[in-house]
Amino acid sequence: ERVVCFDFASRPGDPVQRRLVLELMGR
């Protein structure tokens, strides 16, 4: 897939609090 997920947490190993999803699929 041309989909990239960026996971954010307070520190490495902690539960993911936010996720930024970039979908690169033309229009």
PDB file of all heavy atoms in Angstrom:
ATOM      1  N   GLU A   1       0.831  -1.201   0.000  1.00  0.00           N
ATOM      2  CA  GLU A   1       0.000   0.000   0.000  1.00  0.00           C
ATOM      3  C   GLU A   1       0.865   1.250   0.000  1.00  0.00           C
ATOM      4  O   GLU A   1       1.972   1.261   0.545  1.00  0.00           O
ATOM      5  CB  GLU A   1      -0.892   0.010   1.247  1.00  0.00           C
ATOM      6  CG  GLU A   1      -1.940  -1.088   1.282  1.00  0.00           C
ATOM      7  CD  GLU A   1      -3.172  -0.736   0.472  1.00  0.00           C
ATOM      8  OE1 GLU A   1      -3.172   0.335  -0.176  1.00  0.00           O
ATOM      9  OE2 GLU A   1      -4.123  -1.534   0.482  1.00  0.00           O
ATOM     10  N   ARG A   2       0.328   2.317  -0.576  1.00  0.00           N
ATOM     11  CA  ARG A   2       0.975   3.621  -0.514  1.00  0.00           C
ATOM     12  C   ARG A   2       0.378   4.418   0.651  1.00  0.00           C
ATOM     13  O   ARG A   2      -0.108   5.528   0.493  1.00  0.00           O
ATOM     14  CB  ARG A   2       0.807   4.365  -1.832  1.00  0.00           C
ATOM     15  CG  ARG A   2       1.686   3.827  -2.951  1.00  0.00           C
ATOM     16  CD  ARG A   2       1.598   4.684  -4.182  1.00  0.00           C
ATOM     17  NE  ARG A   2       0.286   4.599  -4.813  1.00  0.00           N
ATOM     18  CZ  ARG A   2      -0.140   5.428  -5.763  1.00  0.00           C
ATOM     19  NH1 ARG A   2       0.642   6.405  -6.185  1.00  0.00           N
ATOM     20  NH2 ARG A   2      -1.334   5.279  -6.288  1.00  0.00           N
ATOM     21  N   VAL A   3       0.428   3.799   1.816  1.00  0.00           N
ATOM     22  CA  VAL A   3      -0.095   4.401   3.047  1.00  0.00           C
ATOM     23  C   VAL A   3       0.992   4.296   4.104  1.00  0.00           C
ATOM     24  O   VAL A   3       1.531   3.222   4.351  1.00  0.00           O
ATOM     25  CB  VAL A   3      -1.373   3.689   3.527  1.00  0.00           C
ATOM     26  CG1 VAL A   3      -1.869   4.318   4.823  1.00  0.00           C
ATOM     27  CG2 VAL A   3      -2.459   3.746   2.448  1.00  0.00           C
ATOM     28  N   VAL A   4       1.313   5.420   4.731  1.00  0.00           N
ATOM     29  CA  VAL A   4       2.343   5.473   5.769  1.00  0.00           C
ATOM     30  C   VAL A   4       1.704   5.958   7.056  1.00  0.00           C
ATOM     31  O   VAL A   4       0.969   6.957   7.061  1.00  0.00           O
ATOM     32  CB  VAL A   4       3.500   6.404   5.365  1.00  0.00           C
ATOM     33  CG1 VAL A   4       4.560   6.456   6.458  1.00  0.00           C
ATOM     34  CG2 VAL A   4       4.121   5.953   4.058  1.00  0.00           C
ATOM     35  N   CYS A   5       1.995   5.255   8.163  1.00  0.00           N
ATOM     36  CA  CYS A   5       1.466   5.612   9.475  1.00  0.00           C
ATOM     37  C   CYS A   5       2.616   6.076  10.373  1.00  0.00           C
ATOM     38  O   CYS A   5       3.623   5.367  10.516  1.00  0.00           O
ATOM     39  CB  CYS A   5       0.754   4.425  10.114  1.00  0.00           C
ATOM     40  SG  CYS A   5      -0.680   3.846   9.170  1.00  0.00           S
ATOM     41  N   PHE A   6       2.456   7.239  10.987  1.00  0.00           N
ATOM     42  CA  PHE A   6       3.408   7.768  11.954  1.00  0.00           C
ATOM     43  C   PHE A   6       2.771   7.633  13.335  1.00  0.00           C
ATOM     44  O   PHE A   6       1.725   8.243  13.601  1.00  0.00           O
ATOM     45  CB  PHE A   6       3.729   9.243  11.667  1.00  0.00           C
ATOM     46  CG  PHE A   6       4.351   9.496  10.327  1.00  0.00           C
ATOM     47  CD1 PHE A   6       3.568   9.594   9.177  1.00  0.00           C
ATOM     48  CD2 PHE A   6       5.715   9.632  10.200  1.00  0.00           C
ATOM     49  CE1 PHE A   6       4.133   9.840   7.939  1.00  0.00           C
ATOM     50  CE2 PHE A   6       6.302   9.881   8.961  1.00  0.00           C
ATOM     51  CZ  PHE A   6       5.505   9.972   7.839  1.00  0.00           C
ATOM     52  N   ASP A   7       3.398   6.874  14.217  1.00  0.00           N
ATOM     53  CA  ASP A   7       2.867   6.644  15.564  1.00  0.00           C
ATOM     54  C   ASP A   7       3.581   7.529  16.569  1.00  0.00           C
ATOM     55  O   ASP A   7       4.823   7.632  16.570  1.00  0.00           O
ATOM     56  CB  ASP A   7       3.040   5.178  15.961  1.00  0.00           C
ATOM     57  CG  ASP A   7       2.127   4.257  15.148  1.00  0.00           C
ATOM     58  OD1 ASP A   7       1.151   4.764  14.566  1.00  0.00           O
ATOM     59  OD2 ASP A   7       2.410   3.051  15.090  1.00  0.00           O
ATOM     60  N   PHE A   8       2.789   8.137  17.470  1.00  0.00           N
ATOM     61  CA  PHE A   8       3.317   9.053  18.469  1.00  0.00           C
ATOM     62  C   PHE A   8       2.923   8.579  19.863  1.00  0.00           C
ATOM     63  O   PHE A   8       1.776   8.177  20.094  1.00  0.00           O
ATOM     64  CB  PHE A   8       2.784  10.474  18.242  1.00  0.00           C
ATOM     65  CG  PHE A   8       3.239  11.095  16.949  1.00  0.00           C
ATOM     66  CD1 PHE A   8       2.529  10.874  15.766  1.00  0.00           C
ATOM     67  CD2 PHE A   8       4.361  11.898  16.910  1.00  0.00           C
ATOM     68  CE1 PHE A   8       2.943  11.449  14.578  1.00  0.00           C
ATOM     69  CE2 PHE A   8       4.777  12.471  15.719  1.00  0.00           C
ATOM     70  CZ  PHE A   8       4.076  12.242  14.551  1.00  0.00           C
ATOM     71  N   ALA A   9       3.863   8.649  20.780  1.00  0.00           N
ATOM     72  CA  ALA A   9       3.629   8.275  22.174  1.00  0.00           C
ATOM     73  C   ALA A   9       4.439   9.191  23.077  1.00  0.00           C
ATOM     74  O   ALA A   9       5.279   9.985  22.607  1.00  0.00           O
ATOM     75  CB  ALA A   9       4.007   6.807  22.407  1.00  0.00           C
ATOM     76  N   SER A  10       4.202   9.066  24.395  1.00  0.00           N
ATOM     77  CA  SER A  10       4.949   9.915  25.334  1.00  0.00           C
ATOM     78  C   SER A  10       6.434   9.603  25.280  1.00  0.00           C
ATOM     79  O   SER A  10       7.279  10.501  25.341  1.00  0.00           O
ATOM     80  CB  SER A  10       4.411   9.723  26.747  1.00  0.00           C
ATOM     81  OG  SER A  10       3.059  10.148  26.829  1.00  0.00           O
ATOM     82  N   ARG A  11       6.756   8.307  25.136  1.00  0.00           N
ATOM     83  CA  ARG A  11       8.151   7.876  25.013  1.00  0.00           C
ATOM     84  C   ARG A  11       8.149   6.501  24.366  1.00  0.00           C
ATOM     85  O   ARG A  11       7.111   5.814  24.361  1.00  0.00           O
ATOM     86  CB  ARG A  11       8.853   7.851  26.368  1.00  0.00           C
ATOM     87  CG  ARG A  11       8.186   6.958  27.388  1.00  0.00           C
ATOM     88  CD  ARG A  11       8.945   6.954  28.704  1.00  0.00           C
ATOM     89  NE  ARG A  11       9.086   8.285  29.251  1.00  0.00           N
ATOM     90  CZ  ARG A  11       8.177   8.867  30.043  1.00  0.00           C
ATOM     91  NH1 ARG A  11       7.056   8.218  30.343  1.00  0.00           N
ATOM     92  NH2 ARG A  11       8.377  10.072  30.517  1.00  0.00           N
ATOM     93  N   PRO A  12       9.255   6.062  23.815  1.00  0.00           N
ATOM     94  CA  PRO A  12       9.297   4.730  23.202  1.00  0.00           C
ATOM     95  C   PRO A  12       8.886   3.647  24.200  1.00  0.00           C
ATOM     96  O   PRO A  12       9.307   3.644  25.360  1.00  0.00           O
ATOM     97  CB  PRO A  12      10.763   4.584  22.782  1.00  0.00           C
ATOM     98  CG  PRO A  12      11.239   5.989  22.597  1.00  0.00           C
ATOM     99  CD  PRO A  12      10.528   6.798  23.626  1.00  0.00           C
ATOM    100  N   GLY A  13       8.029   2.734  23.747  1.00  0.00           N
ATOM    101  CA  GLY A  13       7.526   1.656  24.590  1.00  0.00           C
ATOM    102  C   GLY A  13       6.187   1.938  25.207  1.00  0.00           C
ATOM    103  O   GLY A  13       5.497   1.001  25.645  1.00  0.00           O
ATOM    104  N   ASP A  14       5.758   3.236  25.259  1.00  0.00           N
ATOM    105  CA  ASP A  14       4.451   3.574  25.804  1.00  0.00           C
ATOM    106  C   ASP A  14       3.359   3.350  24.755  1.00  0.00           C
ATOM    107  O   ASP A  14       3.647   3.277  23.552  1.00  0.00           O
ATOM    108  CB  ASP A  14       4.433   5.030  26.257  1.00  0.00           C
ATOM    109  CG  ASP A  14       5.213   5.235  27.549  1.00  0.00           C
ATOM    110  OD1 ASP A  14       5.737   4.222  28.073  1.00  0.00           O
ATOM    111  OD2 ASP A  14       5.302   6.386  28.000  1.00  0.00           O
ATOM    112  N   PRO A  15       2.106   3.245  25.200  1.00  0.00           N
ATOM    113  CA  PRO A  15       1.005   3.079  24.231  1.00  0.00           C
ATOM    114  C   PRO A  15       0.933   4.259  23.266  1.00  0.00           C
ATOM    115  O   PRO A  15       1.214   5.411  23.633  1.00  0.00           O
ATOM    116  CB  PRO A  15      -0.238   3.012  25.122  1.00  0.00           C
ATOM    117  CG  PRO A  15       0.268   2.588  26.461  1.00  0.00           C
ATOM    118  CD  PRO A  15       1.633   3.185  26.603  1.00  0.00           C
ATOM    119  N   VAL A  16       0.541   3.970  22.035  1.00  0.00           N
ATOM    120  CA  VAL A  16       0.416   5.007  21.005  1.00  0.00           C
ATOM    121  C   VAL A  16      -0.772   5.896  21.333  1.00  0.00           C
ATOM    122  O   VAL A  16      -1.887   5.415  21.553  1.00  0.00           O
ATOM    123  CB  VAL A  16       0.256   4.368  19.612  1.00  0.00           C
ATOM    124  CG1 VAL A  16      -0.033   5.441  18.573  1.00  0.00           C
ATOM    125  CG2 VAL A  16       1.513   3.586  19.242  1.00  0.00           C
ATOM    126  N   GLN A  17      -0.545   7.209  21.373  1.00  0.00           N
ATOM    127  CA  GLN A  17      -1.606   8.163  21.680  1.00  0.00           C
ATOM    128  C   GLN A  17      -2.161   8.848  20.436  1.00  0.00           C
ATOM    129  O   GLN A  17      -3.331   9.216  20.408  1.00  0.00           O
ATOM    130  CB  GLN A  17      -1.080   9.226  22.651  1.00  0.00           C
ATOM    131  CG  GLN A  17      -0.612   8.677  23.990  1.00  0.00           C
ATOM    132  CD  GLN A  17      -0.155   9.779  24.916  1.00  0.00           C
ATOM    133  OE1 GLN A  17      -0.616  10.925  24.822  1.00  0.00           O
ATOM    134  NE2 GLN A  17       0.756   9.458  25.832  1.00  0.00           N
ATOM    135  N   ARG A  18      -1.333   9.028  19.438  1.00  0.00           N
ATOM    136  CA  ARG A  18      -1.774   9.676  18.205  1.00  0.00           C
ATOM    137  C   ARG A  18      -1.146   8.940  17.021  1.00  0.00           C
ATOM    138  O   ARG A  18      -0.045   8.404  17.114  1.00  0.00           O
ATOM    139  CB  ARG A  18      -1.362  11.153  18.156  1.00  0.00           C
ATOM    140  CG  ARG A  18      -2.047  12.016  19.204  1.00  0.00           C
ATOM    141  CD  ARG A  18      -3.516  12.211  18.890  1.00  0.00           C
ATOM    142  NE  ARG A  18      -4.141  13.135  19.810  1.00  0.00           N
ATOM    143  CZ  ARG A  18      -4.724  12.785  20.958  1.00  0.00           C
ATOM    144  NH1 ARG A  18      -4.730  11.501  21.329  1.00  0.00           N
ATOM    145  NH2 ARG A  18      -5.281  13.699  21.742  1.00  0.00           N
ATOM    146  N   ARG A  19      -1.870   8.948  15.923  1.00  0.00           N
ATOM    147  CA  ARG A  19      -1.363   8.339  14.690  1.00  0.00           C
ATOM    148  C   ARG A  19      -1.678   9.278  13.530  1.00  0.00           C
ATOM    149  O   ARG A  19      -2.803   9.743  13.367  1.00  0.00           O
ATOM    150  CB  ARG A  19      -1.996   6.975  14.446  1.00  0.00           C
ATOM    151  CG  ARG A  19      -1.701   6.399  13.057  1.00  0.00           C
ATOM    152  CD  ARG A  19      -2.122   4.950  12.952  1.00  0.00           C
ATOM    153  NE  ARG A  19      -1.211   4.087  13.712  1.00  0.00           N
ATOM    154  CZ  ARG A  19      -1.355   2.775  13.797  1.00  0.00           C
ATOM    155  NH1 ARG A  19      -2.365   2.172  13.190  1.00  0.00           N
ATOM    156  NH2 ARG A  19      -0.488   2.057  14.479  1.00  0.00           N
ATOM    157  N   LEU A  20      -0.649   9.556  12.760  1.00  0.00           N
ATOM    158  CA  LEU A  20      -0.799  10.392  11.567  1.00  0.00           C
ATOM    159  C   LEU A  20      -0.704   9.481  10.351  1.00  0.00           C
ATOM    160  O   LEU A  20       0.299   8.777  10.165  1.00  0.00           O
ATOM    161  CB  LEU A  20       0.300  11.459  11.524  1.00  0.00           C
ATOM    162  CG  LEU A  20       0.147  12.595  10.508  1.00  0.00           C
ATOM    163  CD1 LEU A  20      -1.086  13.428  10.803  1.00  0.00           C
ATOM    164  CD2 LEU A  20       1.391  13.485  10.508  1.00  0.00           C
ATOM    165  N   VAL A  21      -1.746   9.471   9.518  1.00  0.00           N
ATOM    166  CA  VAL A  21      -1.836   8.569   8.370  1.00  0.00           C
ATOM    167  C   VAL A  21      -1.748   9.394   7.092  1.00  0.00           C
ATOM    168  O   VAL A  21      -2.565  10.303   6.873  1.00  0.00           O
ATOM    169  CB  VAL A  21      -3.148   7.762   8.386  1.00  0.00           C
ATOM    170  CG1 VAL A  21      -3.197   6.811   7.188  1.00  0.00           C
ATOM    171  CG2 VAL A  21      -3.276   6.986   9.689  1.00  0.00           C
ATOM    172  N   LEU A  22      -0.757   9.091   6.269  1.00  0.00           N
ATOM    173  CA  LEU A  22      -0.583   9.753   4.977  1.00  0.00           C
ATOM    174  C   LEU A  22      -0.903   8.752   3.877  1.00  0.00           C
ATOM    175  O   LEU A  22      -0.251   7.713   3.761  1.00  0.00           O
ATOM    176  CB  LEU A  22       0.843  10.276   4.822  1.00  0.00           C
ATOM    177  CG  LEU A  22       1.184  10.951   3.490  1.00  0.00           C
ATOM    178  CD1 LEU A  22       0.332  12.202   3.273  1.00  0.00           C
ATOM    179  CD2 LEU A  22       2.666  11.295   3.413  1.00  0.00           C
ATOM    180  N   GLU A  23      -1.912   9.057   3.073  1.00  0.00           N
ATOM    181  CA  GLU A  23      -2.341   8.186   1.982  1.00  0.00           C
ATOM    182  C   GLU A  23      -1.961   8.855   0.664  1.00  0.00           C
ATOM    183  O   GLU A  23      -2.484   9.931   0.335  1.00  0.00           O
ATOM    184  CB  GLU A  23      -3.848   7.941   2.040  1.00  0.00           C
ATOM    185  CG  GLU A  23      -4.306   7.302   3.342  1.00  0.00           C
ATOM    186  CD  GLU A  23      -5.813   7.156   3.432  1.00  0.00           C
ATOM    187  OE1 GLU A  23      -6.520   7.746   2.583  1.00  0.00           O
ATOM    188  OE2 GLU A  23      -6.288   6.458   4.345  1.00  0.00           O
ATOM    189  N   LEU A  24      -1.049   8.232  -0.069  1.00  0.00           N
ATOM    190  CA  LEU A  24      -0.575   8.787  -1.344  1.00  0.00           C
ATOM    191  C   LEU A  24      -1.175   7.977  -2.479  1.00  0.00           C
ATOM    192  O   LEU A  24      -0.599   6.995  -2.932  1.00  0.00           O
ATOM    193  CB  LEU A  24       0.955   8.751  -1.384  1.00  0.00           C
ATOM    194  CG  LEU A  24       1.676   9.456  -0.230  1.00  0.00           C
ATOM    195  CD1 LEU A  24       3.183   9.373  -0.403  1.00  0.00           C
ATOM    196  CD2 LEU A  24       1.226  10.895  -0.114  1.00  0.00           C
ATOM    197  N   MET A  25      -2.366   8.387  -2.921  1.00  0.00           N
ATOM    198  CA  MET A  25      -3.097   7.615  -3.923  1.00  0.00           C
ATOM    199  C   MET A  25      -3.698   8.541  -4.982  1.00  0.00           C
ATOM    200  O   MET A  25      -4.905   8.545  -5.216  1.00  0.00           O
ATOM    201  CB  MET A  25      -4.204   6.791  -3.247  1.00  0.00           C
ATOM    202  CG  MET A  25      -3.682   5.835  -2.187  1.00  0.00           C
ATOM    203  SD  MET A  25      -4.993   4.915  -1.343  1.00  0.00           S
ATOM    204  CE  MET A  25      -5.873   6.250  -0.544  1.00  0.00           C
ATOM    205  N   GLY A  26      -2.835   9.346  -5.606  1.00  0.00           N
ATOM    206  CA  GLY A  26      -3.301  10.216  -6.683  1.00  0.00           C
ATOM    207  C   GLY A  26      -4.336  11.206  -6.185  1.00  0.00           C
ATOM    208  O   GLY A  26      -4.184  11.873  -5.169  1.00  0.00           O
ATOM    209  N   ARG A  27      -5.457  11.292  -6.905  1.00  0.00           N
ATOM    210  CA  ARG A  27      -6.499  12.259  -6.543  1.00  0.00           C
ATOM    211  C   ARG A  27      -7.232  11.864  -5.267  1.00  0.00           C
ATOM    212  O   ARG A  27      -8.016  12.653  -4.730  1.00  0.00           O
ATOM    213  CB  ARG A  27      -7.485  12.429  -7.693  1.00  0.00           C
ATOM    214  CG  ARG A  27      -8.244  11.175  -8.076  1.00  0.00           C
ATOM    215  CD  ARG A  27      -9.061  11.391  -9.338  1.00  0.00           C
ATOM    216  NE  ARG A  27      -9.825  10.226  -9.726  1.00  0.00           N
ATOM    217  CZ  ARG A  27     -11.069  10.000  -9.347  1.00  0.00           C
ATOM    218  NH1 ARG A  27     -11.694  10.869  -8.567  1.00  0.00           N
ATOM    219  NH2 ARG A  27     -11.714   8.919  -9.750  1.00  0.00           N
TER     220      ARG A  27
END
